[in-house]
Amino acid sequence: MMENNSLPDASTPLPYPQTPESAREWFYRYGICQTDWAKKQAVPRMVLVDLIHGRSKGRRGEAHRGAVLLGLKPDPAKVLTEHVA
């Protein structure tokens, strides 16, 4: 997990909200290999590539989970707790 003074690494999910372009820039800015990030997050690499290139919207299954980890979609668990509180 990312602490205040540390840089993100391959185990860090991206903060919400992101666009495919800003997610791609995040990997470039921090020098994180997309393949390594996908492996650490247990997301198929091609799912990640399709999301970042806008070929997938992340509506179901692994694509949805990948979109949440990339910050392209809000985390449903967090949204539910915000509405309950």
PDB file of N, CA and C in Angstrom:
ATOM      1  N   MET A   1       0.843  -1.183   0.000  1.00  0.00           N
ATOM      2  CA  MET A   1       0.000   0.000   0.000  1.00  0.00           C
ATOM      3  C   MET A   1       0.883   1.239   0.000  1.00  0.00           C
ATOM      4  N   MET A   2       0.375   2.315  -0.516  1.00  0.00           N
ATOM      5  CA  MET A   2       1.152   3.533  -0.643  1.00  0.00           C
ATOM      6  C   MET A   2       1.063   4.362   0.636  1.00  0.00           C
ATOM      7  N   GLU A   3       2.231   4.720   1.190  1.00  0.00           N
ATOM      8  CA  GLU A   3       2.270   5.602   2.350  1.00  0.00           C
ATOM      9  C   GLU A   3       2.453   7.026   1.865  1.00  0.00           C
ATOM     10  N   ASN A   4       2.330   7.998   2.751  1.00  0.00           N
ATOM     11  CA  ASN A   4       2.393   9.404   2.379  1.00  0.00           C
ATOM     12  C   ASN A   4       3.665   9.793   1.650  1.00  0.00           C
ATOM     13  N   ASN A   5       4.828   9.332   2.109  1.00  0.00           N
ATOM     14  CA  ASN A   5       6.099   9.750   1.534  1.00  0.00           C
ATOM     15  C   ASN A   5       6.681   8.760   0.555  1.00  0.00           C
ATOM     16  N   SER A   6       6.010   7.664   0.248  1.00  0.00           N
ATOM     17  CA  SER A   6       6.565   6.656  -0.641  1.00  0.00           C
ATOM     18  C   SER A   6       5.890   6.716  -2.010  1.00  0.00           C
ATOM     19  N   LEU A   7       6.632   6.252  -2.999  1.00  0.00           N
ATOM     20  CA  LEU A   7       6.102   6.179  -4.349  1.00  0.00           C
ATOM     21  C   LEU A   7       5.299   4.898  -4.506  1.00  0.00           C
ATOM     22  N   PRO A   8       4.327   4.895  -5.397  1.00  0.00           N
ATOM     23  CA  PRO A   8       3.565   3.664  -5.624  1.00  0.00           C
ATOM     24  C   PRO A   8       4.445   2.604  -6.269  1.00  0.00           C
ATOM     25  N   ASP A   9       4.048   1.345  -6.097  1.00  0.00           N
ATOM     26  CA  ASP A   9       4.756   0.253  -6.748  1.00  0.00           C
ATOM     27  C   ASP A   9       3.736  -0.638  -7.441  1.00  0.00           C
ATOM     28  N   ALA A  10       4.196  -1.797  -7.918  1.00  0.00           N
ATOM     29  CA  ALA A  10       3.331  -2.680  -8.697  1.00  0.00           C
ATOM     30  C   ALA A  10       2.177  -3.261  -7.886  1.00  0.00           C
ATOM     31  N   SER A  11       2.209  -3.141  -6.566  1.00  0.00           N
ATOM     32  CA  SER A  11       1.107  -3.662  -5.760  1.00  0.00           C
ATOM     33  C   SER A  11       0.081  -2.576  -5.404  1.00  0.00           C
ATOM     34  N   THR A  12       0.268  -1.364  -5.941  1.00  0.00           N
ATOM     35  CA  THR A  12      -0.595  -0.241  -5.607  1.00  0.00           C
ATOM     36  C   THR A  12      -1.721  -0.079  -6.632  1.00  0.00           C
ATOM     37  N   PRO A  13      -3.002  -0.174  -6.209  1.00  0.00           N
ATOM     38  CA  PRO A  13      -4.085   0.157  -7.134  1.00  0.00           C
ATOM     39  C   PRO A  13      -4.063   1.664  -7.418  1.00  0.00           C
ATOM     40  N   LEU A  14      -4.538   2.052  -8.571  1.00  0.00           N
ATOM     41  CA  LEU A  14      -4.567   3.465  -8.927  1.00  0.00           C
ATOM     42  C   LEU A  14      -5.711   4.158  -8.195  1.00  0.00           C
ATOM     43  N   PRO A  15      -5.533   5.430  -7.840  1.00  0.00           N
ATOM     44  CA  PRO A  15      -6.613   6.156  -7.160  1.00  0.00           C
ATOM     45  C   PRO A  15      -7.761   6.470  -8.126  1.00  0.00           C
ATOM     46  N   TYR A  16      -8.987   6.421  -7.618  1.00  0.00           N
ATOM     47  CA  TYR A  16     -10.165   6.784  -8.409  1.00  0.00           C
ATOM     48  C   TYR A  16     -10.377   8.282  -8.293  1.00  0.00           C
ATOM     49  N   PRO A  17     -10.770   8.997  -9.316  1.00  0.00           N
ATOM     50  CA  PRO A  17     -11.094   8.581 -10.678  1.00  0.00           C
ATOM     51  C   PRO A  17      -9.912   8.726 -11.628  1.00  0.00           C
ATOM     52  N   GLN A  18      -9.870   7.869 -12.625  1.00  0.00           N
ATOM     53  CA  GLN A  18      -8.877   7.915 -13.695  1.00  0.00           C
ATOM     54  C   GLN A  18      -9.599   7.809 -15.034  1.00  0.00           C
ATOM     55  N   THR A  19      -8.940   8.252 -16.073  1.00  0.00           N
ATOM     56  CA  THR A  19      -9.358   7.984 -17.454  1.00  0.00           C
ATOM     57  C   THR A  19      -8.349   6.990 -18.007  1.00  0.00           C
ATOM     58  N   PRO A  20      -8.643   6.325 -19.117  1.00  0.00           N
ATOM     59  CA  PRO A  20      -7.632   5.443 -19.697  1.00  0.00           C
ATOM     60  C   PRO A  20      -6.307   6.176 -19.954  1.00  0.00           C
ATOM     61  N   GLU A  21      -6.390   7.426 -20.400  1.00  0.00           N
ATOM     62  CA  GLU A  21      -5.178   8.205 -20.672  1.00  0.00           C
ATOM     63  C   GLU A  21      -4.412   8.513 -19.387  1.00  0.00           C
ATOM     64  N   SER A  22      -5.115   8.895 -18.326  1.00  0.00           N
ATOM     65  CA  SER A  22      -4.426   9.214 -17.080  1.00  0.00           C
ATOM     66  C   SER A  22      -3.856   7.949 -16.428  1.00  0.00           C
ATOM     67  N   ALA A  23      -4.527   6.804 -16.599  1.00  0.00           N
ATOM     68  CA  ALA A  23      -3.999   5.543 -16.074  1.00  0.00           C
ATOM     69  C   ALA A  23      -2.702   5.189 -16.801  1.00  0.00           C
ATOM     70  N   ARG A  24      -2.687   5.346 -18.118  1.00  0.00           N
ATOM     71  CA  ARG A  24      -1.475   5.079 -18.896  1.00  0.00           C
ATOM     72  C   ARG A  24      -0.347   6.009 -18.449  1.00  0.00           C
ATOM     73  N   GLU A  25      -0.673   7.270 -18.229  1.00  0.00           N
ATOM     74  CA  GLU A  25       0.313   8.256 -17.771  1.00  0.00           C
ATOM     75  C   GLU A  25       0.835   7.898 -16.383  1.00  0.00           C
ATOM     76  N   TRP A  26      -0.009   7.360 -15.504  1.00  0.00           N
ATOM     77  CA  TRP A  26       0.401   6.972 -14.155  1.00  0.00           C
ATOM     78  C   TRP A  26       1.514   5.931 -14.219  1.00  0.00           C
ATOM     79  N   PHE A  27       1.355   4.920 -15.080  1.00  0.00           N
ATOM     80  CA  PHE A  27       2.389   3.899 -15.232  1.00  0.00           C
ATOM     81  C   PHE A  27       3.691   4.522 -15.738  1.00  0.00           C
ATOM     82  N   TYR A  28       3.575   5.415 -16.699  1.00  0.00           N
ATOM     83  CA  TYR A  28       4.757   6.075 -17.258  1.00  0.00           C
ATOM     84  C   TYR A  28       5.446   6.953 -16.207  1.00  0.00           C
ATOM     85  N   ARG A  29       4.658   7.754 -15.489  1.00  0.00           N
ATOM     86  CA  ARG A  29       5.193   8.698 -14.511  1.00  0.00           C
ATOM     87  C   ARG A  29       5.977   7.995 -13.399  1.00  0.00           C
ATOM     88  N   TYR A  30       5.462   6.871 -12.918  1.00  0.00           N
ATOM     89  CA  TYR A  30       6.101   6.174 -11.810  1.00  0.00           C
ATOM     90  C   TYR A  30       7.021   5.037 -12.261  1.00  0.00           C
ATOM     91  N   GLY A  31       7.130   4.832 -13.574  1.00  0.00           N
ATOM     92  CA  GLY A  31       8.033   3.812 -14.092  1.00  0.00           C
ATOM     93  C   GLY A  31       7.642   2.400 -13.717  1.00  0.00           C
ATOM     94  N   ILE A  32       6.352   2.146 -13.666  1.00  0.00           N
ATOM     95  CA  ILE A  32       5.849   0.826 -13.295  1.00  0.00           C
ATOM     96  C   ILE A  32       5.486   0.064 -14.562  1.00  0.00           C
ATOM     97  N   CYS A  33       5.996  -1.144 -14.667  1.00  0.00           N
ATOM     98  CA  CYS A  33       5.707  -2.006 -15.809  1.00  0.00           C
ATOM     99  C   CYS A  33       4.260  -2.499 -15.703  1.00  0.00           C
ATOM    100  N   GLN A  34       3.503  -2.299 -16.774  1.00  0.00           N
ATOM    101  CA  GLN A  34       2.097  -2.709 -16.762  1.00  0.00           C
ATOM    102  C   GLN A  34       1.947  -4.212 -16.585  1.00  0.00           C
ATOM    103  N   THR A  35       2.852  -4.983 -17.167  1.00  0.00           N
ATOM    104  CA  THR A  35       2.796  -6.439 -17.028  1.00  0.00           C
ATOM    105  C   THR A  35       3.015  -6.854 -15.577  1.00  0.00           C
ATOM    106  N   ASP A  36       4.016  -6.253 -14.925  1.00  0.00           N
ATOM    107  CA  ASP A  36       4.267  -6.566 -13.511  1.00  0.00           C
ATOM    108  C   ASP A  36       3.080  -6.172 -12.644  1.00  0.00           C
ATOM    109  N   TRP A  37       2.504  -4.992 -12.916  1.00  0.00           N
ATOM    110  CA  TRP A  37       1.353  -4.522 -12.155  1.00  0.00           C
ATOM    111  C   TRP A  37       0.186  -5.498 -12.312  1.00  0.00           C
ATOM    112  N   ALA A  38      -0.061  -5.923 -13.551  1.00  0.00           N
ATOM    113  CA  ALA A  38      -1.161  -6.864 -13.799  1.00  0.00           C
ATOM    114  C   ALA A  38      -0.943  -8.177 -13.053  1.00  0.00           C
ATOM    115  N   LYS A  39       0.298  -8.673 -13.039  1.00  0.00           N
ATOM    116  CA  LYS A  39       0.586  -9.917 -12.310  1.00  0.00           C
ATOM    117  C   LYS A  39       0.346  -9.743 -10.820  1.00  0.00           C
ATOM    118  N   LYS A  40       0.820  -8.644 -10.242  1.00  0.00           N
ATOM    119  CA  LYS A  40       0.648  -8.404  -8.801  1.00  0.00           C
ATOM    120  C   LYS A  40      -0.828  -8.264  -8.427  1.00  0.00           C
ATOM    121  N   GLN A  41      -1.617  -7.711  -9.342  1.00  0.00           N
ATOM    122  CA  GLN A  41      -3.048  -7.509  -9.073  1.00  0.00           C
ATOM    123  C   GLN A  41      -3.889  -8.712  -9.478  1.00  0.00           C
ATOM    124  N   ALA A  42      -3.254  -9.737 -10.056  1.00  0.00           N
ATOM    125  CA  ALA A  42      -3.941 -10.948 -10.537  1.00  0.00           C
ATOM    126  C   ALA A  42      -4.997 -10.610 -11.584  1.00  0.00           C
ATOM    127  N   VAL A  43      -4.627  -9.712 -12.496  1.00  0.00           N
ATOM    128  CA  VAL A  43      -5.489  -9.327 -13.612  1.00  0.00           C
ATOM    129  C   VAL A  43      -4.773  -9.744 -14.895  1.00  0.00           C
ATOM    130  N   PRO A  44      -5.459 -10.433 -15.808  1.00  0.00           N
ATOM    131  CA  PRO A  44      -4.797 -10.783 -17.063  1.00  0.00           C
ATOM    132  C   PRO A  44      -4.254  -9.528 -17.774  1.00  0.00           C
ATOM    133  N   ARG A  45      -3.039  -9.645 -18.291  1.00  0.00           N
ATOM    134  CA  ARG A  45      -2.380  -8.502 -18.919  1.00  0.00           C
ATOM    135  C   ARG A  45      -3.205  -7.915 -20.054  1.00  0.00           C
ATOM    136  N   MET A  46      -3.842  -8.755 -20.854  1.00  0.00           N
ATOM    137  CA  MET A  46      -4.614  -8.238 -21.987  1.00  0.00           C
ATOM    138  C   MET A  46      -5.871  -7.501 -21.528  1.00  0.00           C
ATOM    139  N   VAL A  47      -6.410  -7.862 -20.378  1.00  0.00           N
ATOM    140  CA  VAL A  47      -7.529  -7.104 -19.808  1.00  0.00           C
ATOM    141  C   VAL A  47      -7.060  -5.689 -19.505  1.00  0.00           C
ATOM    142  N   LEU A  48      -5.894  -5.586 -18.875  1.00  0.00           N
ATOM    143  CA  LEU A  48      -5.308  -4.280 -18.560  1.00  0.00           C
ATOM    144  C   LEU A  48      -5.077  -3.465 -19.837  1.00  0.00           C
ATOM    145  N   VAL A  49      -4.472  -4.095 -20.834  1.00  0.00           N
ATOM    146  CA  VAL A  49      -4.187  -3.407 -22.094  1.00  0.00           C
ATOM    147  C   VAL A  49      -5.479  -2.925 -22.746  1.00  0.00           C
ATOM    148  N   ASP A  50      -6.497  -3.779 -22.798  1.00  0.00           N
ATOM    149  CA  ASP A  50      -7.775  -3.388 -23.411  1.00  0.00           C
ATOM    150  C   ASP A  50      -8.432  -2.229 -22.663  1.00  0.00           C
ATOM    151  N   LEU A  51      -8.339  -2.216 -21.348  1.00  0.00           N
ATOM    152  CA  LEU A  51      -8.918  -1.123 -20.559  1.00  0.00           C
ATOM    153  C   LEU A  51      -8.172   0.187 -20.812  1.00  0.00           C
ATOM    154  N   ILE A  52      -6.849   0.133 -20.798  1.00  0.00           N
ATOM    155  CA  ILE A  52      -6.039   1.344 -20.974  1.00  0.00           C
ATOM    156  C   ILE A  52      -6.170   1.910 -22.379  1.00  0.00           C
ATOM    157  N   HIS A  53      -6.398   1.038 -23.358  1.00  0.00           N
ATOM    158  CA  HIS A  53      -6.531   1.508 -24.739  1.00  0.00           C
ATOM    159  C   HIS A  53      -7.981   1.788 -25.115  1.00  0.00           C
ATOM    160  N   GLY A  54      -8.896   1.661 -24.153  1.00  0.00           N
ATOM    161  CA  GLY A  54     -10.289   2.006 -24.390  1.00  0.00           C
ATOM    162  C   GLY A  54     -11.067   0.972 -25.183  1.00  0.00           C
ATOM    163  N   ARG A  55     -10.537  -0.232 -25.340  1.00  0.00           N
ATOM    164  CA  ARG A  55     -11.242  -1.278 -26.091  1.00  0.00           C
ATOM    165  C   ARG A  55     -12.230  -2.032 -25.213  1.00  0.00           C
ATOM    166  N   SER A  56     -12.126  -1.870 -23.900  1.00  0.00           N
ATOM    167  CA  SER A  56     -13.028  -2.521 -22.960  1.00  0.00           C
ATOM    168  C   SER A  56     -13.533  -1.469 -21.976  1.00  0.00           C
ATOM    169  N   LYS A  57     -14.786  -1.600 -21.590  1.00  0.00           N
ATOM    170  CA  LYS A  57     -15.371  -0.681 -20.619  1.00  0.00           C
ATOM    171  C   LYS A  57     -15.326  -1.232 -19.201  1.00  0.00           C
ATOM    172  N   GLY A  58     -14.961  -2.512 -19.064  1.00  0.00           N
ATOM    173  CA  GLY A  58     -14.872  -3.103 -17.728  1.00  0.00           C
ATOM    174  C   GLY A  58     -16.219  -3.335 -17.092  1.00  0.00           C
ATOM    175  N   ARG A  59     -17.129  -3.912 -17.828  1.00  0.00           N
ATOM    176  CA  ARG A  59     -18.495  -4.069 -17.311  1.00  0.00           C
ATOM    177  C   ARG A  59     -18.716  -5.314 -16.469  1.00  0.00           C
ATOM    178  N   ARG A  60     -17.984  -6.410 -16.788  1.00  0.00           N
ATOM    179  CA  ARG A  60     -18.216  -7.666 -16.070  1.00  0.00           C
ATOM    180  C   ARG A  60     -16.904  -8.393 -15.804  1.00  0.00           C
ATOM    181  N   GLY A  61     -16.929  -9.260 -14.789  1.00  0.00           N
ATOM    182  CA  GLY A  61     -15.846 -10.189 -14.520  1.00  0.00           C
ATOM    183  C   GLY A  61     -14.483  -9.536 -14.281  1.00  0.00           C
ATOM    184  N   GLU A  62     -13.449 -10.143 -14.891  1.00  0.00           N
ATOM    185  CA  GLU A  62     -12.084  -9.663 -14.726  1.00  0.00           C
ATOM    186  C   GLU A  62     -11.924  -8.236 -15.235  1.00  0.00           C
ATOM    187  N   ALA A  63     -12.622  -7.898 -16.306  1.00  0.00           N
ATOM    188  CA  ALA A  63     -12.524  -6.535 -16.848  1.00  0.00           C
ATOM    189  C   ALA A  63     -13.065  -5.517 -15.842  1.00  0.00           C
ATOM    190  N   HIS A  64     -14.149  -5.855 -15.160  1.00  0.00           N
ATOM    191  CA  HIS A  64     -14.704  -4.945 -14.150  1.00  0.00           C
ATOM    192  C   HIS A  64     -13.722  -4.788 -12.987  1.00  0.00           C
ATOM    193  N   ARG A  65     -13.180  -5.902 -12.518  1.00  0.00           N
ATOM    194  CA  ARG A  65     -12.217  -5.856 -11.421  1.00  0.00           C
ATOM    195  C   ARG A  65     -10.983  -5.055 -11.824  1.00  0.00           C
ATOM    196  N   GLY A  66     -10.516  -5.254 -13.060  1.00  0.00           N
ATOM    197  CA  GLY A  66      -9.375  -4.490 -13.554  1.00  0.00           C
ATOM    198  C   GLY A  66      -9.671  -3.005 -13.625  1.00  0.00           C
ATOM    199  N   ALA A  67     -10.884  -2.652 -14.072  1.00  0.00           N
ATOM    200  CA  ALA A  67     -11.270  -1.240 -14.170  1.00  0.00           C
ATOM    201  C   ALA A  67     -11.313  -0.589 -12.788  1.00  0.00           C
ATOM    202  N   VAL A  68     -11.763  -1.326 -11.791  1.00  0.00           N
ATOM    203  CA  VAL A  68     -11.786  -0.801 -10.419  1.00  0.00           C
ATOM    204  C   VAL A  68     -10.363  -0.587  -9.923  1.00  0.00           C
ATOM    205  N   LEU A  69      -9.474  -1.556 -10.155  1.00  0.00           N
ATOM    206  CA  LEU A  69      -8.081  -1.440  -9.711  1.00  0.00           C
ATOM    207  C   LEU A  69      -7.339  -0.326 -10.436  1.00  0.00           C
ATOM    208  N   LEU A  70      -7.708  -0.084 -11.703  1.00  0.00           N
ATOM    209  CA  LEU A  70      -7.094   1.000 -12.470  1.00  0.00           C
ATOM    210  C   LEU A  70      -7.680   2.361 -12.117  1.00  0.00           C
ATOM    211  N   GLY A  71      -8.726   2.380 -11.314  1.00  0.00           N
ATOM    212  CA  GLY A  71      -9.347   3.649 -10.947  1.00  0.00           C
ATOM    213  C   GLY A  71     -10.277   4.193 -12.017  1.00  0.00           C
ATOM    214  N   LEU A  72     -10.633   3.346 -12.990  1.00  0.00           N
ATOM    215  CA  LEU A  72     -11.540   3.769 -14.053  1.00  0.00           C
ATOM    216  C   LEU A  72     -12.993   3.733 -13.591  1.00  0.00           C
ATOM    217  N   LYS A  73     -13.262   2.904 -12.585  1.00  0.00           N
ATOM    218  CA  LYS A  73     -14.609   2.778 -12.020  1.00  0.00           C
ATOM    219  C   LYS A  73     -14.486   2.826 -10.500  1.00  0.00           C
ATOM    220  N   PRO A  74     -15.512   3.314  -9.825  1.00  0.00           N
ATOM    221  CA  PRO A  74     -15.465   3.316  -8.355  1.00  0.00           C
ATOM    222  C   PRO A  74     -15.542   1.891  -7.808  1.00  0.00           C
ATOM    223  N   ASP A  75     -14.970   1.684  -6.644  1.00  0.00           N
ATOM    224  CA  ASP A  75     -15.021   0.384  -5.984  1.00  0.00           C
ATOM    225  C   ASP A  75     -16.422   0.190  -5.423  1.00  0.00           C
ATOM    226  N   PRO A  76     -17.164  -0.824  -5.891  1.00  0.00           N
ATOM    227  CA  PRO A  76     -18.540  -1.018  -5.407  1.00  0.00           C
ATOM    228  C   PRO A  76     -18.624  -1.189  -3.897  1.00  0.00           C
ATOM    229  N   ALA A  77     -17.627  -1.809  -3.289  1.00  0.00           N
ATOM    230  CA  ALA A  77     -17.653  -2.001  -1.833  1.00  0.00           C
ATOM    231  C   ALA A  77     -17.599  -0.655  -1.119  1.00  0.00           C
ATOM    232  N   LYS A  78     -16.791   0.268  -1.604  1.00  0.00           N
ATOM    233  CA  LYS A  78     -16.699   1.578  -0.987  1.00  0.00           C
ATOM    234  C   LYS A  78     -17.961   2.401  -1.238  1.00  0.00           C
ATOM    235  N   VAL A  79     -18.542   2.261  -2.408  1.00  0.00           N
ATOM    236  CA  VAL A  79     -19.766   2.996  -2.721  1.00  0.00           C
ATOM    237  C   VAL A  79     -20.893   2.545  -1.812  1.00  0.00           C
ATOM    238  N   LEU A  80     -20.996   1.234  -1.592  1.00  0.00           N
ATOM    239  CA  LEU A  80     -22.042   0.706  -0.716  1.00  0.00           C
ATOM    240  C   LEU A  80     -21.872   1.193   0.714  1.00  0.00           C
ATOM    241  N   THR A  81     -20.647   1.215   1.221  1.00  0.00           N
ATOM    242  CA  THR A  81     -20.452   1.666   2.601  1.00  0.00           C
ATOM    243  C   THR A  81     -20.722   3.152   2.746  1.00  0.00           C
ATOM    244  N   GLU A  82     -20.472   3.930   1.697  1.00  0.00           N
ATOM    245  CA  GLU A  82     -20.759   5.364   1.749  1.00  0.00           C
ATOM    246  C   GLU A  82     -22.259   5.617   1.794  1.00  0.00           C
ATOM    247  N   HIS A  83     -23.035   4.793   1.059  1.00  0.00           N
ATOM    248  CA  HIS A  83     -24.476   4.974   1.048  1.00  0.00           C
ATOM    249  C   HIS A  83     -25.124   4.492   2.342  1.00  0.00           C
ATOM    250  N   VAL A  84     -24.521   3.501   2.988  1.00  0.00           N
ATOM    251  CA  VAL A  84     -25.065   2.960   4.224  1.00  0.00           C
ATOM    252  C   VAL A  84     -24.803   3.912   5.384  1.00  0.00           C
ATOM    253  N   ALA A  85     -23.641   4.533   5.389  1.00  0.00           N
ATOM    254  CA  ALA A  85     -23.255   5.402   6.502  1.00  0.00           C
ATOM    255  C   ALA A  85     -24.036   6.681   6.573  1.00  0.00           C
TER     256      ALA A  85
END
